[in-house]
Protein backbone atom coordinates (compact mmCIF):
# COMPACT_ATOMS: atom_id res chain seq x y z
CA MET A 1 -12.23 10.27 -18.87
CA SER A 2 -12.93 6.53 -19.40
CA ASP A 3 -12.76 6.94 -23.11
CA LEU A 4 -9.04 7.45 -22.80
CA ILE A 5 -8.67 3.63 -22.53
CA ASP A 6 -10.10 1.25 -24.91
CA GLN A 7 -11.16 -1.53 -22.76
CA SER A 8 -12.40 -3.70 -25.57
CA GLU A 9 -8.90 -3.44 -27.17
CA LEU A 10 -7.27 -4.67 -24.03
CA GLN A 11 -9.43 -7.56 -23.92
CA SER A 12 -8.73 -8.41 -27.62
CA ARG A 13 -4.89 -8.22 -26.89
CA ALA A 14 -5.24 -10.67 -24.03
CA ALA A 15 -7.52 -13.04 -25.87
CA ARG A 16 -5.10 -13.05 -28.87
CA LEU A 17 -2.05 -13.85 -26.75
CA VAL A 18 -3.85 -16.65 -25.02
CA ASP A 19 -4.83 -18.25 -28.20
CA ALA A 20 -1.48 -17.82 -29.67
CA ALA A 21 0.23 -19.51 -26.87
CA ARG A 22 -2.04 -22.52 -26.94
CA LYS A 23 -1.15 -22.84 -30.75
CA ALA A 24 2.44 -22.47 -29.90
CA GLY A 25 2.39 -25.55 -27.65
CA ALA A 26 1.69 -24.06 -24.12
CA ASP A 27 -0.14 -26.47 -21.84
CA ALA A 28 -1.68 -23.44 -20.13
CA CYS A 29 -1.15 -19.73 -20.09
CA ASP A 30 -2.59 -16.30 -18.94
CA ALA A 31 -2.24 -12.92 -20.28
CA ILE A 32 -2.51 -9.60 -18.59
CA ALA A 33 -2.95 -6.31 -20.34
CA VAL A 34 -2.48 -3.20 -18.54
CA THR A 35 -2.74 0.52 -19.56
CA GLY A 36 -2.49 3.73 -17.65
CA VAL A 37 -2.79 7.57 -18.24
CA SER A 38 -1.73 10.00 -15.73
CA LEU A 39 -1.27 13.85 -15.34
CA SER A 40 0.47 15.72 -12.48
CA VAL A 41 1.46 19.37 -11.82
CA ASP A 42 4.09 20.40 -9.38
CA VAL A 43 4.47 23.99 -8.20
CA ARG A 44 6.93 25.79 -5.93
CA GLU A 45 6.74 29.47 -4.46
CA GLY A 46 3.68 30.29 -6.54
CA LYS A 47 5.10 28.94 -9.83
CA ILE A 48 4.53 25.87 -11.88
CA GLU A 49 7.65 23.86 -11.84
CA GLU A 50 6.59 20.73 -13.83
CA THR A 51 3.64 19.39 -15.69
CA GLU A 52 3.92 15.64 -16.55
CA ARG A 53 1.60 13.43 -18.59
CA ALA A 54 2.51 9.76 -18.65
CA GLU A 55 0.94 7.11 -20.61
CA GLY A 56 1.58 3.33 -20.19
CA ASP A 57 0.67 0.38 -22.34
CA ASP A 58 1.91 -3.12 -21.96
CA VAL A 59 0.85 -6.82 -22.19
CA THR A 60 2.62 -9.84 -20.39
CA LEU A 61 2.11 -13.37 -21.40
CA ARG A 62 2.88 -16.25 -18.85
CA VAL A 63 2.96 -19.93 -20.20
CA PHE A 64 3.20 -23.25 -18.68
CA VAL A 65 4.81 -26.18 -20.27
CA GLY A 66 4.43 -29.02 -17.69
CA LYS A 67 5.82 -27.59 -14.52
CA ARG A 68 8.14 -25.31 -16.36
CA THR A 69 7.12 -21.60 -16.85
CA ALA A 70 8.24 -18.35 -18.64
CA ALA A 71 6.91 -15.02 -19.21
CA VAL A 72 7.37 -12.35 -21.80
CA SER A 73 6.20 -8.69 -22.01
CA ALA A 74 5.77 -6.17 -24.82
CA ASN A 75 4.12 -2.72 -25.25
CA ARG A 76 3.07 -3.50 -28.62
CA LEU A 77 1.27 -6.62 -30.04
CA ASP A 78 2.04 -6.55 -33.75
CA ASP A 79 2.90 -10.31 -33.82
CA PRO A 80 1.23 -12.41 -31.01
CA ALA A 81 2.45 -15.56 -32.59
CA SER A 82 6.06 -14.61 -32.37
CA LEU A 83 5.74 -13.45 -28.78
CA ALA A 84 3.93 -16.72 -27.86
CA GLU A 85 6.51 -18.92 -29.58
CA ARG A 86 9.38 -16.99 -27.69
CA ALA A 87 7.57 -17.63 -24.30
CA VAL A 88 7.01 -21.33 -24.92
CA ALA A 89 10.70 -21.79 -26.09
CA MET A 90 11.87 -20.05 -22.88
CA ALA A 91 9.60 -22.21 -20.82
CA LYS A 92 10.92 -25.36 -22.19
CA VAL A 93 14.28 -24.67 -20.99
CA ALA A 94 13.34 -23.16 -17.57
CA PRO A 95 13.86 -25.36 -14.35
CA GLU A 96 10.77 -27.15 -13.14
CA ASP A 97 8.68 -25.47 -10.43
CA PRO A 98 6.46 -28.08 -8.64
CA TYR A 99 4.11 -25.22 -7.51
CA ALA A 100 3.67 -23.51 -10.81
CA GLY A 101 0.30 -23.41 -12.44
CA LEU A 102 -2.92 -21.49 -13.19
CA ALA A 103 -5.48 -21.17 -10.35
CA ASP A 104 -8.01 -24.02 -9.76
CA PRO A 105 -11.07 -23.38 -12.16
CA GLU A 106 -13.39 -23.85 -9.29
CA LEU A 107 -11.79 -20.84 -7.49
CA LEU A 108 -12.24 -18.37 -10.30
CA VAL A 109 -14.44 -15.41 -10.09
CA ARG A 110 -17.64 -16.01 -12.12
CA ASP A 111 -19.92 -13.20 -10.88
CA PHE A 112 -18.10 -9.85 -10.73
CA PRO A 113 -19.15 -7.59 -7.90
CA ALA A 114 -20.27 -4.02 -8.62
CA LEU A 115 -17.60 -1.85 -7.09
CA GLU A 116 -16.89 1.93 -6.91
CA LEU A 117 -13.58 1.93 -8.69
CA LEU A 118 -14.10 4.62 -11.35
CA ASP A 119 -14.66 8.31 -11.26
CA LYS A 120 -14.96 9.76 -14.80
CA THR A 121 -13.94 13.26 -13.63
CA GLU A 122 -10.94 14.34 -15.76
CA LEU A 123 -8.81 17.20 -14.49
CA ALA A 124 -6.85 19.32 -17.04
CA ALA A 125 -3.51 20.64 -16.16
CA ASP A 126 -4.74 24.15 -15.42
CA ARG A 127 -7.18 22.73 -12.91
CA LEU A 128 -4.52 20.68 -11.28
CA ALA A 129 -2.34 23.63 -11.08
CA GLU A 130 -5.11 25.62 -9.30
CA ILE A 131 -5.29 22.91 -6.60
CA ALA A 132 -1.59 22.74 -6.11
CA LEU A 133 -1.27 26.39 -5.92
CA ALA A 134 -4.14 26.81 -3.45
CA THR A 135 -2.56 23.97 -1.29
CA GLU A 136 0.75 25.78 -1.22
CA GLU A 137 -0.81 29.14 -0.59
CA ALA A 138 -2.62 27.70 2.51
CA GLY A 139 0.70 26.23 3.71
CA LEU A 140 2.47 29.42 3.33
CA ALA A 141 -0.07 31.32 5.20
CA VAL A 142 0.72 29.48 8.40
CA GLU A 143 2.67 31.66 10.79
CA GLY A 144 6.12 30.44 11.10
CA VAL A 145 6.37 28.73 7.69
CA SER A 146 9.34 30.28 5.86
CA LYS A 147 9.19 28.61 2.49
CA SER A 148 7.41 25.87 0.33
CA GLY A 149 9.10 22.59 -0.34
CA GLY A 150 6.54 22.24 -3.23
CA ALA A 151 3.07 21.26 -3.79
CA GLY A 152 1.45 18.97 -6.32
CA ALA A 153 -1.83 17.57 -7.66
CA SER A 154 -2.56 14.58 -9.87
CA TRP A 155 -4.97 12.29 -11.45
CA ARG A 156 -4.61 8.72 -12.73
CA LEU A 157 -6.46 6.41 -14.82
CA ALA A 158 -5.70 2.70 -15.20
CA GLY A 159 -7.48 -0.34 -16.99
CA VAL A 160 -6.70 -4.03 -16.42
CA VAL A 161 -7.64 -7.15 -18.35
CA LEU A 162 -6.79 -10.78 -17.32
CA ALA A 163 -7.46 -13.73 -19.58
CA THR A 164 -6.53 -17.36 -19.03
CA SER A 165 -6.60 -20.52 -21.04
CA HIS A 166 -9.11 -22.18 -18.71
CA GLY A 167 -11.78 -19.72 -19.51
CA PHE A 168 -11.40 -16.83 -17.28
CA GLU A 169 -11.77 -13.34 -18.52
CA GLY A 170 -12.02 -10.16 -16.42
CA SER A 171 -11.47 -6.57 -16.50
CA TYR A 172 -11.84 -3.14 -14.55
CA MET A 173 -10.92 0.29 -14.58
CA SER A 174 -9.93 2.59 -11.70
CA SER A 175 -9.18 6.23 -10.94
CA ARG A 176 -7.03 8.02 -8.37
CA TYR A 177 -6.72 11.75 -7.47
CA GLY A 178 -4.23 13.19 -5.22
CA MET A 179 -2.58 16.44 -3.83
CA SER A 180 0.28 17.20 -1.49
CA MET A 181 2.24 19.91 -0.04
CA THR A 182 5.65 20.14 1.88
CA ALA A 183 6.23 23.23 4.15
CA VAL A 184 9.39 24.43 5.49
CA ALA A 185 9.56 26.34 8.95
CA GLY A 186 12.45 28.24 10.37
CA GLU A 187 15.71 29.68 8.97
CA GLY A 188 19.33 28.39 8.22
CA THR A 189 20.29 25.51 10.33
CA SER A 190 17.18 25.51 12.31
CA MET A 191 14.76 24.71 9.37
CA GLU A 192 12.46 21.89 9.81
CA ARG A 193 9.92 20.34 7.18
CA ASP A 194 6.85 18.39 7.09
CA TYR A 195 4.04 17.45 4.71
CA ASP A 196 0.51 16.44 4.33
CA PHE A 197 -1.27 14.76 1.53
CA ASP A 198 -4.45 13.09 0.52
CA SER A 199 -5.20 10.50 -2.15
CA ARG A 200 -8.70 9.09 -3.03
CA THR A 201 -10.42 7.07 -5.75
CA PHE A 202 -13.11 9.76 -6.28
CA PHE A 203 -12.29 13.44 -6.75
CA GLU A 204 -15.20 14.44 -4.60
CA ASP A 205 -13.74 12.59 -1.52
CA LEU A 206 -10.54 14.65 -1.61
CA GLU A 207 -9.99 17.10 1.32
CA ALA A 208 -9.95 20.79 0.65
CA PRO A 209 -6.59 22.18 -0.55
CA ALA A 210 -6.64 24.56 2.19
CA GLU A 211 -6.84 21.74 4.82
CA ILE A 212 -3.96 19.90 3.37
CA GLY A 213 -1.73 22.99 3.04
CA ARG A 214 -2.67 24.28 6.51
CA ARG A 215 -1.82 20.99 8.24
CA ALA A 216 1.58 20.69 6.26
CA GLY A 217 2.31 24.08 7.54
CA GLU A 218 1.21 23.52 11.27
CA ARG A 219 3.18 20.14 11.15
CA ALA A 220 6.24 21.80 9.97
CA VAL A 221 6.14 24.72 12.51
CA ARG A 222 5.43 22.39 15.60
CA ARG A 223 8.73 20.59 14.76
CA LEU A 224 10.90 23.72 15.34
CA ASN A 225 13.80 23.56 17.86
CA PRO A 226 13.71 19.79 18.45
CA GLN A 227 15.49 18.47 21.49
CA LYS A 228 17.42 15.29 22.08
CA LEU A 229 16.43 12.59 24.59
CA SER A 230 18.59 10.39 26.73
CA THR A 231 18.55 6.67 26.30
CA ARG A 232 15.70 5.04 28.33
CA THR A 233 12.78 2.63 28.25
CA THR A 234 9.40 4.44 27.64
CA ASN A 235 5.93 4.37 26.37
CA VAL A 236 5.67 4.98 22.59
CA ILE A 237 2.60 6.25 20.78
CA TYR A 238 2.61 6.01 16.91
CA GLU A 239 0.46 8.79 15.30
CA SER A 240 -1.94 7.31 12.81
CA ARG A 241 0.35 8.15 9.82
CA ALA A 242 3.35 6.29 11.58
CA ALA A 243 1.13 3.40 12.69
CA ARG A 244 0.30 2.24 9.15
CA SER A 245 4.05 0.97 8.96
CA LEU A 246 3.28 -1.57 11.81
CA LEU A 247 0.47 -3.00 9.44
CA GLY A 248 3.19 -3.26 6.74
CA HIS A 249 5.47 -5.41 9.07
CA LEU A 250 2.50 -7.64 9.89
CA THR A 251 1.50 -8.19 6.32
CA GLY A 252 5.15 -9.04 5.45
CA ALA A 253 5.09 -11.53 8.28
CA ILE A 254 1.92 -13.27 7.05
CA ASN A 255 2.77 -13.51 3.28
CA GLY A 256 2.53 -16.88 2.19
CA ALA A 257 5.65 -16.92 0.29
CA ALA A 258 7.42 -15.93 3.51
CA ILE A 259 5.75 -18.66 5.43
CA ALA A 260 6.68 -21.28 2.85
CA ARG A 261 10.30 -20.12 2.80
CA LYS A 262 10.15 -20.10 6.73
CA THR A 263 11.64 -16.56 6.80
CA SER A 264 8.80 -15.07 8.98
CA PHE A 265 8.85 -14.68 12.65
CA LEU A 266 5.10 -15.64 12.62
CA LYS A 267 5.60 -18.87 10.68
CA ASP A 268 4.47 -21.02 13.63
CA ARG A 269 1.85 -18.71 15.04
CA MET A 270 -1.40 -19.74 13.17
CA ASN A 271 -4.45 -19.88 15.43
CA GLU A 272 -2.32 -18.37 18.24
CA ALA A 273 -2.82 -15.01 20.14
CA VAL A 274 -0.52 -12.57 18.41
CA PHE A 275 -2.17 -9.45 19.64
CA ALA A 276 -3.96 -8.61 22.73
CA PRO A 277 -7.66 -9.89 23.19
CA GLY A 278 -10.09 -7.63 21.35
CA ILE A 279 -7.84 -6.52 18.62
CA GLN A 280 -9.27 -6.89 15.00
CA ILE A 281 -7.44 -6.56 11.81
CA ILE A 282 -9.54 -6.93 8.54
CA ASP A 283 -8.42 -7.23 4.91
CA ASP A 284 -11.31 -6.22 2.56
CA PRO A 285 -10.91 -6.39 -1.25
CA PHE A 286 -14.29 -4.97 -1.71
CA LYS A 287 -13.95 -1.85 0.46
CA ARG A 288 -16.11 1.02 -0.86
CA ARG A 289 -13.86 3.34 -2.85
CA GLY A 290 -10.83 1.63 -1.38
CA ALA A 291 -7.25 2.30 -2.54
CA ALA A 292 -6.76 -1.41 -3.19
CA THR A 293 -10.24 -2.47 -4.12
CA ARG A 294 -10.50 -4.89 -6.99
CA PRO A 295 -13.17 -7.44 -8.39
CA PHE A 296 -10.57 -10.38 -8.80
CA ASP A 297 -6.88 -10.96 -7.91
CA GLY A 298 -3.86 -11.40 -10.23
CA GLU A 299 -4.82 -14.92 -11.06
CA GLY A 300 -8.67 -14.50 -11.37
CA THR A 301 -9.29 -15.99 -8.10
CA ARG A 302 -12.27 -14.97 -5.95
CA ALA A 303 -11.64 -13.36 -2.51
CA ASP A 304 -13.52 -12.94 0.67
CA VAL A 305 -13.11 -10.47 3.44
CA LEU A 306 -10.59 -11.91 5.76
CA ASN A 307 -10.60 -11.47 9.66
CA VAL A 308 -6.81 -11.67 9.59
CA ILE A 309 -6.62 -11.09 13.33
CA GLU A 310 -9.77 -12.02 15.24
CA ASP A 311 -9.93 -11.12 18.90
CA GLY A 312 -6.08 -10.95 18.84
CA VAL A 313 -5.59 -14.55 17.26
CA LEU A 314 -3.90 -14.92 13.82
CA LYS A 315 -6.39 -16.57 11.43
CA HIS A 316 -5.13 -16.23 7.83
CA TRP A 317 -1.98 -16.11 5.66
CA PHE A 318 -2.10 -14.10 2.45
CA LEU A 319 -1.93 -16.72 -0.31
CA ASP A 320 -1.63 -16.97 -4.09
CA GLY A 321 -1.85 -20.14 -5.98
CA ALA A 322 1.92 -21.03 -5.66
CA SER A 323 2.38 -20.35 -2.01
CA ALA A 324 -1.02 -22.03 -1.16
CA ARG A 325 0.06 -25.25 -3.08
CA GLU A 326 3.44 -25.13 -1.36
CA LEU A 327 1.69 -24.95 2.01
CA GLY A 328 -0.98 -27.63 0.98
CA LEU A 329 -3.69 -24.75 1.59
CA ILE A 330 -6.36 -23.17 -0.60
CA PRO A 331 -5.59 -19.65 -2.21
CA ASN A 332 -7.65 -16.76 -0.79
CA GLY A 333 -7.69 -14.27 -3.65
CA ARG A 334 -4.62 -12.36 -2.47
CA ALA A 335 -2.45 -12.86 -5.58
CA HIS A 336 -0.68 -9.59 -6.76
CA ARG A 337 0.42 -9.57 -10.28
CA SER A 338 4.08 -8.44 -10.93
CA GLY A 339 4.42 -8.89 -14.70
CA SER A 340 6.19 -12.23 -14.89
CA GLY A 341 4.35 -13.78 -12.17
CA THR A 342 2.32 -13.38 -8.88
CA SER A 343 2.99 -12.74 -5.20
CA PRO A 344 0.84 -12.84 -2.19
CA GLY A 345 -0.18 -9.72 -0.37
CA PRO A 346 -3.02 -7.66 1.29
CA THR A 347 -5.67 -5.62 -0.35
CA ASN A 348 -7.30 -3.07 1.97
CA ILE A 349 -6.03 -4.02 5.40
CA THR A 350 -7.53 -2.26 8.50
CA LEU A 351 -6.57 -2.21 12.16
CA MET A 352 -10.08 -1.52 13.67
CA PRO A 353 -10.04 1.37 16.13
CA GLY A 354 -10.35 1.14 19.97
CA ALA A 355 -12.35 3.41 22.27
CA LYS A 356 -9.75 5.99 23.29
CA SER A 357 -8.65 9.11 21.50
CA LEU A 358 -5.03 10.05 21.00
CA GLU A 359 -5.20 12.50 23.88
CA GLU A 360 -6.61 9.85 26.11
CA LEU A 361 -3.91 7.45 25.15
CA MET A 362 -1.30 10.04 26.03
CA GLY A 363 -3.13 10.54 29.32
CA ASP A 364 -3.11 6.85 30.20
CA ALA A 365 0.50 6.64 29.22
CA GLY A 366 1.46 9.70 31.32
CA GLU A 367 4.78 10.27 29.73
CA GLY A 368 6.38 8.95 26.60
CA LEU A 369 7.31 9.57 22.93
CA LEU A 370 4.70 10.42 20.33
CA VAL A 371 6.08 9.31 16.96
CA THR A 372 5.11 11.32 13.94
CA ASP A 373 7.80 10.10 11.51
CA LEU A 374 10.03 7.03 10.92
CA ILE A 375 13.38 6.72 9.26
CA GLY A 376 15.00 3.55 7.82
CA HIS A 377 13.94 0.03 7.46
CA GLY A 378 15.58 -1.71 10.43
CA VAL A 379 13.19 -4.72 10.77
CA ASN A 380 14.33 -8.30 10.63
CA GLY A 381 11.42 -10.25 9.23
CA ILE A 382 12.86 -13.62 10.51
CA THR A 383 13.34 -12.64 14.07
CA GLY A 384 10.89 -9.61 14.44
CA ASP A 385 13.78 -7.47 15.78
CA TYR A 386 12.71 -3.92 15.29
CA SER A 387 14.89 -0.64 15.29
CA ARG A 388 13.99 2.57 13.38
CA GLY A 389 14.94 6.18 13.60
CA ALA A 390 12.16 8.37 14.74
CA SER A 391 11.03 12.02 15.38
CA GLY A 392 8.09 13.41 17.14
CA PHE A 393 7.17 14.84 20.52
CA TRP A 394 7.84 14.13 24.15
CA PHE A 395 4.81 14.38 26.31
CA GLU A 396 4.42 14.43 30.04
CA ASN A 397 1.11 14.20 32.15
CA GLY A 398 -0.53 13.54 28.80
CA LYS A 399 0.45 16.71 27.28
CA ILE A 400 3.10 17.50 24.65
CA VAL A 401 6.03 19.11 26.04
CA GLU A 402 8.60 19.56 23.06
CA PRO A 403 9.56 18.28 19.73
CA VAL A 404 12.28 15.62 19.72
CA SER A 405 14.48 14.15 16.83
CA GLU A 406 17.38 12.06 16.31
CA ILE A 407 16.31 9.19 18.37
CA THR A 408 15.98 5.47 17.66
CA ILE A 409 13.08 3.12 19.03
CA ALA A 410 13.58 -0.46 19.28
CA GLY A 411 11.90 -3.82 20.29
CA ASN A 412 10.67 -7.04 18.97
CA LEU A 413 7.60 -7.26 16.82
CA THR A 414 6.35 -10.22 18.76
CA ASP A 415 6.35 -8.21 21.88
CA MET A 416 5.18 -4.99 20.29
CA PHE A 417 2.12 -6.59 18.62
CA ALA A 418 1.17 -8.23 22.06
CA ARG A 419 1.18 -4.87 23.88
CA LEU A 420 -0.42 -2.77 21.10
CA ILE A 421 -3.38 -0.69 22.10
CA PRO A 422 -5.32 1.11 19.21
CA GLY A 423 -6.94 4.47 19.60
CA SER A 424 -10.13 5.76 18.11
CA ASP A 425 -8.74 8.08 15.40
CA LEU A 426 -8.83 5.71 12.50
CA ASP A 427 -7.46 7.28 9.13
CA ASN A 428 -9.50 5.07 6.64
CA ARG A 429 -8.31 6.65 3.30
CA TYR A 430 -5.52 4.25 2.35
CA SER A 431 -4.96 0.68 1.57
CA ALA A 432 -3.21 0.26 4.97
CA ALA A 433 -5.41 1.94 7.62
CA ALA A 434 -4.78 2.39 11.17
CA PRO A 435 -5.60 4.60 14.25
CA SER A 436 -2.97 5.85 16.53
CA VAL A 437 -1.52 3.10 18.60
CA MET A 438 0.27 2.83 22.03
CA ILE A 439 3.16 0.40 22.84
CA GLU A 440 4.23 0.29 26.40
CA GLY A 441 7.93 -0.18 27.54
CA MET A 442 9.96 0.16 24.13
CA ALA A 443 13.61 0.93 24.21
CA LEU A 444 14.64 4.51 23.24
CA ALA A 445 18.06 5.35 22.17
CA GLY A 446 19.13 8.90 22.36
CA SER A 447 22.07 11.15 23.15
């Protein structure tokens, strides 16, 4: 599988662009070459709907002339000199950015860690079709499932090379495999749908297709005949899959760019208690077979495991070079490359589990809402105000009573984080990993 990408050719492209940019008059520059190959198969009702193979191959040159910067991209590199000259010309007329620049050489990665990023298993289209069909078959076999909303399987291979004018050169390759199934239960206007999926770096780590399909079917069936709730204040438990969204709101609030712009409700909370005592949230760029594991960041900067929240206290922002310079801090290896530039963000972020199972959390809460799905993006990053559509299950005496839908849950993230209680059922498969969590006393708007 790895021979589908010529890593030496990627390294050559990046190096040639850096050399051309220096000759064209750039004071400093970097070049990133990215290539990828993917194959996916989608099926529905026992038949293949679509087989798609995609290949991407591009290179981006970023140049600095004084405090002015510009970037150009191309998917072919026939004339590095021309591309470099265009980038330098653009930079000379760009507005000055006092925080622009390459990473400090002292912060660059020199010794690359050995990471499990690449599985060389290549899956042909017929094998992917087998997986997708088996997943769908398992979902359709669940009693109460009336039809399939489709199933799919895929693999992806990607290669990345970063080279800079101050001597950094790094590269890595990564793989990803996945499968999913959407099941439909009921008939006519009473139909409900739900899904399940899995995505892993190594093929051997994927769950069995039968498990993914079965869970998708069972999730759809248990949503049948949802009821509406009246407006009230209640305890809310986020199922693990829904709880990951809360980590997304946290990472947005501790993004160094948002802190520098003063557009985060946590901008003045460094070294203060944001969560309850005992809460730990860790960001680990070296997580074994992690979805966001990498040997260096988008600037070639070394990274450490960050205890973002330690015993409930906020300890770190996510910083790239520009946001760190603006805040007068040191970058912590969280630069994400976005073609023309970088932006700070997390790698593999995990809310560490608590001691109680989901069932025990429901028992402690007594009654409340178990959220399994969220709708919309009603979160204000400046104030922390939170309002999202939700569906799931109403529970009483710690036991699920009925499915519910067409409701809205609301609060403020400052208060929600402070009252958050994690369960023990950590789902550790994805770049944002969380167990189920309970938050007491949230507003619920219903009928």
